[in-house]
Amino acid sequence: MYTGKIRTIIRDHRFEREMARIVPSVQRADEFLEGAEQVLSRTPEAGYRLEDSNVWFIGGHTVDVALYYTFDNDHVYFLSVEKVSPPEF
């Protein structure tokens, strides 16, 4: 639920290293990240909470990326990002 408050995005060093590794191999990873920042800064509950954890994740619909994060009242902390395999049907 959007509360009107915009949280500051903080990128962990681990996140930055992982993002630099996957950008060359994932088309549109940077666009996914920009979109994730826009959504999660306003509505961090938009992702999925990992069971028994304060860590959440959000995946791309058009890119094979999973972003792991946590948040409080003022910040969203990007913890980790990884390339994932697309689902097989």
N, C-alpha and C. Protein backbone atom coordinates (compact mmCIF):
# COMPACT_ATOMS: atom_id res chain seq x y z
N MET A 1 0.84 -1.18 0.00
CA MET A 1 0.00 0.00 0.00
C MET A 1 0.88 1.24 0.00
N TYR A 2 0.66 2.16 -0.90
CA TYR A 2 1.44 3.38 -1.02
C TYR A 2 1.02 4.36 0.06
N THR A 3 2.00 4.83 0.85
CA THR A 3 1.71 5.74 1.95
C THR A 3 2.03 7.18 1.64
N GLY A 4 2.56 7.48 0.46
CA GLY A 4 2.93 8.83 0.12
C GLY A 4 4.38 9.15 0.47
N LYS A 5 5.01 8.31 1.28
CA LYS A 5 6.40 8.50 1.67
C LYS A 5 7.30 7.78 0.67
N ILE A 6 8.38 8.43 0.28
CA ILE A 6 9.34 7.80 -0.62
C ILE A 6 10.59 7.48 0.20
N ARG A 7 10.95 6.22 0.23
CA ARG A 7 12.14 5.77 0.96
C ARG A 7 13.39 5.94 0.10
N THR A 8 14.51 6.14 0.77
CA THR A 8 15.80 6.24 0.10
C THR A 8 16.32 4.84 -0.19
N ILE A 9 16.82 4.63 -1.40
CA ILE A 9 17.40 3.35 -1.79
C ILE A 9 18.88 3.36 -1.39
N ILE A 10 19.30 2.32 -0.69
CA ILE A 10 20.70 2.14 -0.32
C ILE A 10 21.17 0.83 -0.93
N ARG A 11 22.25 0.89 -1.68
CA ARG A 11 22.78 -0.31 -2.35
C ARG A 11 23.98 -0.85 -1.56
N ASP A 12 23.85 -2.06 -1.08
CA ASP A 12 24.93 -2.73 -0.36
C ASP A 12 26.10 -2.98 -1.32
N HIS A 13 27.32 -3.06 -0.78
CA HIS A 13 28.50 -3.33 -1.61
C HIS A 13 28.36 -4.66 -2.35
N ARG A 14 27.82 -5.65 -1.67
CA ARG A 14 27.62 -6.96 -2.30
C ARG A 14 26.69 -6.81 -3.51
N PHE A 15 25.62 -6.07 -3.34
CA PHE A 15 24.67 -5.83 -4.42
C PHE A 15 25.39 -5.19 -5.61
N GLU A 16 26.19 -4.17 -5.35
CA GLU A 16 26.90 -3.47 -6.43
C GLU A 16 27.83 -4.41 -7.20
N ARG A 17 28.56 -5.26 -6.47
CA ARG A 17 29.46 -6.22 -7.14
C ARG A 17 28.67 -7.21 -8.00
N GLU A 18 27.59 -7.72 -7.44
CA GLU A 18 26.78 -8.70 -8.19
C GLU A 18 26.12 -8.07 -9.40
N MET A 19 25.65 -6.86 -9.26
CA MET A 19 25.01 -6.16 -10.37
C MET A 19 26.01 -5.94 -11.51
N ALA A 20 27.22 -5.55 -11.16
CA ALA A 20 28.25 -5.33 -12.18
C ALA A 20 28.56 -6.62 -12.93
N ARG A 21 28.49 -7.75 -12.25
CA ARG A 21 28.76 -9.05 -12.90
C ARG A 21 27.65 -9.47 -13.84
N ILE A 22 26.39 -9.18 -13.49
CA ILE A 22 25.30 -9.70 -14.32
C ILE A 22 24.86 -8.76 -15.44
N VAL A 23 25.14 -7.48 -15.33
CA VAL A 23 24.68 -6.54 -16.36
C VAL A 23 25.09 -6.97 -17.77
N PRO A 24 26.35 -7.40 -18.00
CA PRO A 24 26.69 -7.79 -19.37
C PRO A 24 25.92 -9.02 -19.88
N SER A 25 25.46 -9.87 -18.98
CA SER A 25 24.82 -11.11 -19.44
C SER A 25 23.30 -11.08 -19.37
N VAL A 26 22.73 -10.02 -18.84
CA VAL A 26 21.27 -9.94 -18.74
C VAL A 26 20.81 -8.68 -19.47
N GLN A 27 20.10 -8.89 -20.57
CA GLN A 27 19.56 -7.75 -21.31
C GLN A 27 18.57 -7.00 -20.44
N ARG A 28 18.66 -5.70 -20.45
CA ARG A 28 17.72 -4.81 -19.76
C ARG A 28 17.80 -4.91 -18.23
N ALA A 29 18.90 -5.40 -17.68
CA ALA A 29 19.04 -5.47 -16.23
C ALA A 29 19.00 -4.08 -15.62
N ASP A 30 19.62 -3.11 -16.29
CA ASP A 30 19.63 -1.75 -15.76
C ASP A 30 18.23 -1.14 -15.78
N GLU A 31 17.43 -1.45 -16.78
CA GLU A 31 16.05 -0.97 -16.83
C GLU A 31 15.23 -1.60 -15.71
N PHE A 32 15.45 -2.89 -15.46
CA PHE A 32 14.77 -3.57 -14.36
C PHE A 32 15.10 -2.88 -13.05
N LEU A 33 16.37 -2.56 -12.85
CA LEU A 33 16.79 -1.93 -11.60
C LEU A 33 16.13 -0.56 -11.43
N GLU A 34 16.09 0.22 -12.48
CA GLU A 34 15.44 1.54 -12.40
C GLU A 34 13.96 1.39 -12.02
N GLY A 35 13.29 0.44 -12.64
CA GLY A 35 11.88 0.21 -12.32
C GLY A 35 11.70 -0.27 -10.90
N ALA A 36 12.58 -1.18 -10.46
CA ALA A 36 12.51 -1.69 -9.08
C ALA A 36 12.70 -0.56 -8.08
N GLU A 37 13.63 0.34 -8.35
CA GLU A 37 13.84 1.47 -7.45
C GLU A 37 12.58 2.33 -7.35
N GLN A 38 11.95 2.59 -8.48
CA GLN A 38 10.74 3.41 -8.48
C GLN A 38 9.62 2.76 -7.66
N VAL A 39 9.41 1.48 -7.88
CA VAL A 39 8.33 0.77 -7.19
C VAL A 39 8.64 0.60 -5.70
N LEU A 40 9.82 0.07 -5.41
CA LEU A 40 10.14 -0.29 -4.03
C LEU A 40 10.35 0.92 -3.13
N SER A 41 10.78 2.05 -3.67
CA SER A 41 10.93 3.25 -2.84
C SER A 41 9.58 3.75 -2.34
N ARG A 42 8.54 3.42 -3.07
CA ARG A 42 7.19 3.85 -2.69
C ARG A 42 6.39 2.74 -2.01
N THR A 43 6.59 1.50 -2.47
CA THR A 43 5.80 0.37 -1.98
C THR A 43 6.70 -0.86 -1.82
N PRO A 44 7.51 -0.90 -0.77
CA PRO A 44 8.43 -2.03 -0.64
C PRO A 44 7.72 -3.37 -0.42
N GLU A 45 6.48 -3.33 -0.01
CA GLU A 45 5.71 -4.56 0.17
C GLU A 45 5.28 -5.17 -1.16
N ALA A 46 5.69 -4.57 -2.28
CA ALA A 46 5.31 -5.08 -3.60
C ALA A 46 6.01 -6.39 -3.92
N GLY A 47 7.11 -6.68 -3.24
CA GLY A 47 7.84 -7.93 -3.47
C GLY A 47 7.24 -9.06 -2.66
N TYR A 48 8.01 -10.10 -2.53
CA TYR A 48 7.60 -11.29 -1.78
C TYR A 48 8.56 -11.50 -0.62
N ARG A 49 8.01 -11.70 0.55
CA ARG A 49 8.82 -11.88 1.74
C ARG A 49 9.29 -13.34 1.83
N LEU A 50 10.58 -13.51 2.08
CA LEU A 50 11.11 -14.85 2.29
C LEU A 50 10.64 -15.34 3.66
N GLU A 51 10.24 -16.58 3.73
CA GLU A 51 9.67 -17.15 4.94
C GLU A 51 10.61 -16.97 6.13
N ASP A 52 10.03 -16.56 7.27
CA ASP A 52 10.78 -16.38 8.53
C ASP A 52 11.99 -15.47 8.37
N SER A 53 11.83 -14.38 7.64
CA SER A 53 12.94 -13.49 7.36
C SER A 53 12.44 -12.06 7.17
N ASN A 54 13.34 -11.11 7.31
CA ASN A 54 13.03 -9.72 6.96
C ASN A 54 13.52 -9.39 5.56
N VAL A 55 13.90 -10.41 4.82
CA VAL A 55 14.39 -10.22 3.45
C VAL A 55 13.24 -10.49 2.48
N TRP A 56 13.14 -9.62 1.50
CA TRP A 56 12.12 -9.71 0.47
C TRP A 56 12.82 -9.88 -0.88
N PHE A 57 12.07 -10.30 -1.89
CA PHE A 57 12.65 -10.33 -3.24
C PHE A 57 11.59 -9.92 -4.25
N ILE A 58 12.11 -9.46 -5.37
CA ILE A 58 11.26 -9.11 -6.50
C ILE A 58 11.99 -9.60 -7.75
N GLY A 59 11.26 -10.15 -8.66
CA GLY A 59 11.84 -10.66 -9.90
C GLY A 59 11.32 -9.89 -11.08
N GLY A 60 12.08 -9.93 -12.14
CA GLY A 60 11.67 -9.25 -13.35
C GLY A 60 10.69 -10.08 -14.16
N HIS A 61 9.74 -9.41 -14.78
CA HIS A 61 8.80 -10.10 -15.66
C HIS A 61 9.38 -10.28 -17.05
N THR A 62 10.28 -9.38 -17.42
CA THR A 62 10.85 -9.44 -18.76
C THR A 62 12.36 -9.68 -18.73
N VAL A 63 12.94 -9.77 -17.53
CA VAL A 63 14.37 -10.09 -17.39
C VAL A 63 14.50 -11.20 -16.36
N ASP A 64 15.57 -11.96 -16.48
CA ASP A 64 15.79 -13.10 -15.58
C ASP A 64 16.67 -12.68 -14.41
N VAL A 65 16.11 -11.83 -13.55
CA VAL A 65 16.85 -11.28 -12.41
C VAL A 65 15.98 -11.35 -11.17
N ALA A 66 16.62 -11.67 -10.04
CA ALA A 66 15.95 -11.62 -8.74
C ALA A 66 16.72 -10.64 -7.87
N LEU A 67 16.00 -9.70 -7.26
CA LEU A 67 16.58 -8.67 -6.41
C LEU A 67 16.13 -8.94 -4.98
N TYR A 68 17.09 -9.00 -4.05
CA TYR A 68 16.80 -9.25 -2.64
C TYR A 68 17.02 -7.96 -1.86
N TYR A 69 16.10 -7.65 -0.96
CA TYR A 69 16.17 -6.37 -0.25
C TYR A 69 15.48 -6.49 1.10
N THR A 70 15.69 -5.48 1.92
CA THR A 70 14.98 -5.31 3.17
C THR A 70 14.64 -3.83 3.27
N PHE A 71 13.81 -3.46 4.22
CA PHE A 71 13.43 -2.05 4.32
C PHE A 71 13.00 -1.69 5.73
N ASP A 72 13.01 -0.40 6.00
CA ASP A 72 12.46 0.14 7.23
C ASP A 72 11.61 1.36 6.84
N ASN A 73 11.26 2.19 7.79
CA ASN A 73 10.38 3.32 7.50
C ASN A 73 11.01 4.37 6.58
N ASP A 74 12.34 4.41 6.52
CA ASP A 74 13.00 5.47 5.76
C ASP A 74 13.83 4.99 4.58
N HIS A 75 14.19 3.70 4.55
CA HIS A 75 15.13 3.20 3.54
C HIS A 75 14.70 1.85 2.98
N VAL A 76 15.15 1.58 1.76
CA VAL A 76 15.10 0.25 1.17
C VAL A 76 16.55 -0.11 0.90
N TYR A 77 16.98 -1.25 1.44
CA TYR A 77 18.36 -1.69 1.31
C TYR A 77 18.43 -2.82 0.28
N PHE A 78 19.07 -2.56 -0.85
CA PHE A 78 19.29 -3.59 -1.86
C PHE A 78 20.46 -4.44 -1.39
N LEU A 79 20.19 -5.71 -1.09
CA LEU A 79 21.19 -6.60 -0.51
C LEU A 79 21.94 -7.43 -1.53
N SER A 80 21.21 -7.98 -2.48
CA SER A 80 21.81 -8.93 -3.41
C SER A 80 20.97 -8.99 -4.68
N VAL A 81 21.61 -9.39 -5.77
CA VAL A 81 20.91 -9.56 -7.03
C VAL A 81 21.55 -10.74 -7.75
N GLU A 82 20.73 -11.52 -8.43
CA GLU A 82 21.27 -12.65 -9.15
C GLU A 82 20.50 -12.91 -10.43
N LYS A 83 21.22 -13.48 -11.38
CA LYS A 83 20.59 -13.94 -12.61
C LYS A 83 19.92 -15.27 -12.31
N VAL A 84 18.70 -15.41 -12.76
CA VAL A 84 17.96 -16.66 -12.53
C VAL A 84 17.56 -17.25 -13.87
N SER A 85 17.32 -18.53 -13.87
CA SER A 85 16.88 -19.20 -15.08
C SER A 85 15.40 -18.95 -15.28
N PRO A 86 14.97 -18.74 -16.51
CA PRO A 86 13.54 -18.56 -16.76
C PRO A 86 12.79 -19.85 -16.44
N PRO A 87 11.54 -19.73 -16.02
CA PRO A 87 10.77 -20.93 -15.71
C PRO A 87 10.53 -21.77 -16.96
N GLU A 88 10.53 -23.07 -16.77
CA GLU A 88 10.25 -23.99 -17.87
C GLU A 88 8.79 -24.39 -17.83
N PHE A 89 8.16 -24.36 -18.98
CA PHE A 89 6.74 -24.71 -19.05
C PHE A 89 6.55 -26.01 -19.78
